Amino acid sequence: MKVWARVRVDNRTVAEYVVAIEQKEASEVENWAEPIGELCRKLDLARPVILKKHIRDLTAFSHTAFRPGDFMEKVDFDRLEIELF
């Protein structure tokens, strides 16, 4: 499975990165902090706080979004979207 991250500002993609993970299904992933952390490192972003809502959205819809309020540090984008494919 691949995990795609997009940084969005004013509904435009300003940065993106894809990382491959071993698991075939979202429900098989035990720790989402690892792939999301790798994506954030590659995009030079702070790590967001991963809530149960984000995990639920990833497993149910293969998509979730982190807003600036989900980060401990100030960020200069509207949202970080994570999508599975």
C-alpha atoms as a PDB file:
ATOM      1  CA  MET A   1       0.000   0.000   0.000  1.00  0.00           C
ATOM      2  CA  LYS A   2       1.144   3.557  -0.602  1.00  0.00           C
ATOM      3  CA  VAL A   3       0.467   6.629   1.516  1.00  0.00           C
ATOM      4  CA  TRP A   4       0.250   9.989  -0.248  1.00  0.00           C
ATOM      5  CA  ALA A   5       0.576  13.305   1.586  1.00  0.00           C
ATOM      6  CA  ARG A   6      -0.419  16.659   0.085  1.00  0.00           C
ATOM      7  CA  VAL A   7       0.124  20.070   1.628  1.00  0.00           C
ATOM      8  CA  ARG A   8      -2.708  22.402   0.584  1.00  0.00           C
ATOM      9  CA  VAL A   9      -2.856  26.213   0.618  1.00  0.00           C
ATOM     10  CA  ASP A  10      -5.955  27.950  -0.770  1.00  0.00           C
ATOM     11  CA  ASN A  11      -7.095  24.627  -2.348  1.00  0.00           C
ATOM     12  CA  ARG A  12      -3.812  24.301  -4.261  1.00  0.00           C
ATOM     13  CA  THR A  13      -1.274  21.550  -3.719  1.00  0.00           C
ATOM     14  CA  VAL A  14       2.054  23.156  -2.793  1.00  0.00           C
ATOM     15  CA  ALA A  15       3.958  19.994  -1.839  1.00  0.00           C
ATOM     16  CA  GLU A  16       3.390  16.249  -1.990  1.00  0.00           C
ATOM     17  CA  TYR A  17       5.188  13.010  -1.261  1.00  0.00           C
ATOM     18  CA  VAL A  18       4.382   9.294  -1.468  1.00  0.00           C
ATOM     19  CA  VAL A  19       5.751   6.568   0.777  1.00  0.00           C
ATOM     20  CA  ALA A  20       5.245   2.801   0.412  1.00  0.00           C
ATOM     21  CA  ILE A  21       4.443   0.661   3.448  1.00  0.00           C
ATOM     22  CA  GLU A  22       4.392  -3.133   3.779  1.00  0.00           C
ATOM     23  CA  GLN A  23       0.779  -3.538   4.872  1.00  0.00           C
ATOM     24  CA  LYS A  24      -1.818  -4.288   2.204  1.00  0.00           C
ATOM     25  CA  GLU A  25      -4.844  -2.893   4.089  1.00  0.00           C
ATOM     26  CA  ALA A  26      -5.312   0.148   6.329  1.00  0.00           C
ATOM     27  CA  SER A  27      -6.726  -2.043   9.093  1.00  0.00           C
ATOM     28  CA  GLU A  28      -3.392  -3.938   9.255  1.00  0.00           C
ATOM     29  CA  VAL A  29      -1.392  -0.841  10.238  1.00  0.00           C
ATOM     30  CA  GLU A  30      -0.739  -0.855  13.986  1.00  0.00           C
ATOM     31  CA  ASN A  31       1.151   2.433  14.287  1.00  0.00           C
ATOM     32  CA  TRP A  32       0.222   5.272  11.914  1.00  0.00           C
ATOM     33  CA  ALA A  33       2.793   7.575  13.539  1.00  0.00           C
ATOM     34  CA  GLU A  34       5.591   5.869  11.599  1.00  0.00           C
ATOM     35  CA  PRO A  35       4.426   6.459   7.977  1.00  0.00           C
ATOM     36  CA  ILE A  36       2.920   9.870   8.791  1.00  0.00           C
ATOM     37  CA  GLY A  37       6.139  10.864  10.548  1.00  0.00           C
ATOM     38  CA  GLU A  38       8.198   9.824   7.524  1.00  0.00           C
ATOM     39  CA  LEU A  39       5.959  11.863   5.219  1.00  0.00           C
ATOM     40  CA  CYS A  40       6.295  14.892   7.489  1.00  0.00           C
ATOM     41  CA  ARG A  41      10.094  14.540   7.559  1.00  0.00           C
ATOM     42  CA  LYS A  42      10.245  14.399   3.758  1.00  0.00           C
ATOM     43  CA  LEU A  43       7.955  17.440   3.472  1.00  0.00           C
ATOM     44  CA  ASP A  44       9.871  19.274   6.244  1.00  0.00           C
ATOM     45  CA  LEU A  45       6.780  19.595   8.452  1.00  0.00           C
ATOM     46  CA  ALA A  46       6.170  19.195  12.151  1.00  0.00           C
ATOM     47  CA  ARG A  47       4.364  16.003  13.140  1.00  0.00           C
ATOM     48  CA  PRO A  48       0.648  16.408  13.722  1.00  0.00           C
ATOM     49  CA  VAL A  49      -1.194  15.052  16.724  1.00  0.00           C
ATOM     50  CA  ILE A  50      -2.841  11.871  15.431  1.00  0.00           C
ATOM     51  CA  LEU A  51      -6.304  11.462  16.930  1.00  0.00           C
ATOM     52  CA  LYS A  52      -8.682   8.482  16.853  1.00  0.00           C
ATOM     53  CA  LYS A  53     -10.722  10.459  14.299  1.00  0.00           C
ATOM     54  CA  HIS A  54      -7.764  10.476  11.880  1.00  0.00           C
ATOM     55  CA  ILE A  55      -7.212   6.715  12.286  1.00  0.00           C
ATOM     56  CA  ARG A  56     -10.934   6.031  11.849  1.00  0.00           C
ATOM     57  CA  ASP A  57     -11.037   8.143   8.658  1.00  0.00           C
ATOM     58  CA  LEU A  58      -7.982   6.362   7.249  1.00  0.00           C
ATOM     59  CA  THR A  59      -9.375   2.880   7.882  1.00  0.00           C
ATOM     60  CA  ALA A  60     -12.940   3.704   6.775  1.00  0.00           C
ATOM     61  CA  PHE A  61     -12.372   6.125   3.886  1.00  0.00           C
ATOM     62  CA  SER A  62      -8.643   5.799   3.033  1.00  0.00           C
ATOM     63  CA  HIS A  63      -8.345   9.548   3.532  1.00  0.00           C
ATOM     64  CA  THR A  64      -7.899  12.054   6.361  1.00  0.00           C
ATOM     65  CA  ALA A  65      -6.912  15.700   6.762  1.00  0.00           C
ATOM     66  CA  PHE A  66      -4.900  17.486   9.425  1.00  0.00           C
ATOM     67  CA  ARG A  67      -5.735  21.152  10.055  1.00  0.00           C
ATOM     68  CA  PRO A  68      -3.347  23.714  11.610  1.00  0.00           C
ATOM     69  CA  GLY A  69      -4.992  23.063  14.989  1.00  0.00           C
ATOM     70  CA  ASP A  70      -3.732  19.456  14.845  1.00  0.00           C
ATOM     71  CA  PHE A  71      -0.109  20.639  15.060  1.00  0.00           C
ATOM     72  CA  MET A  72       1.713  21.750  18.207  1.00  0.00           C
ATOM     73  CA  GLU A  73       3.789  24.212  16.170  1.00  0.00           C
ATOM     74  CA  LYS A  74       2.530  27.020  13.950  1.00  0.00           C
ATOM     75  CA  VAL A  75       2.160  25.915  10.314  1.00  0.00           C
ATOM     76  CA  ASP A  76       1.736  27.982   7.158  1.00  0.00           C
ATOM     77  CA  PHE A  77      -0.737  25.824   5.241  1.00  0.00           C
ATOM     78  CA  ASP A  78      -4.479  25.153   5.327  1.00  0.00           C
ATOM     79  CA  ARG A  79      -4.363  21.379   5.635  1.00  0.00           C
ATOM     80  CA  LEU A  80      -2.238  18.276   5.256  1.00  0.00           C
ATOM     81  CA  GLU A  81      -4.171  15.560   3.429  1.00  0.00           C
ATOM     82  CA  ILE A  82      -3.224  11.897   3.757  1.00  0.00           C
ATOM     83  CA  GLU A  83      -4.623   9.417   1.240  1.00  0.00           C
ATOM     84  CA  LEU A  84      -4.108   5.661   0.868  1.00  0.00           C
ATOM     85  CA  PHE A  85      -3.867   3.805  -2.432  1.00  0.00           C
END
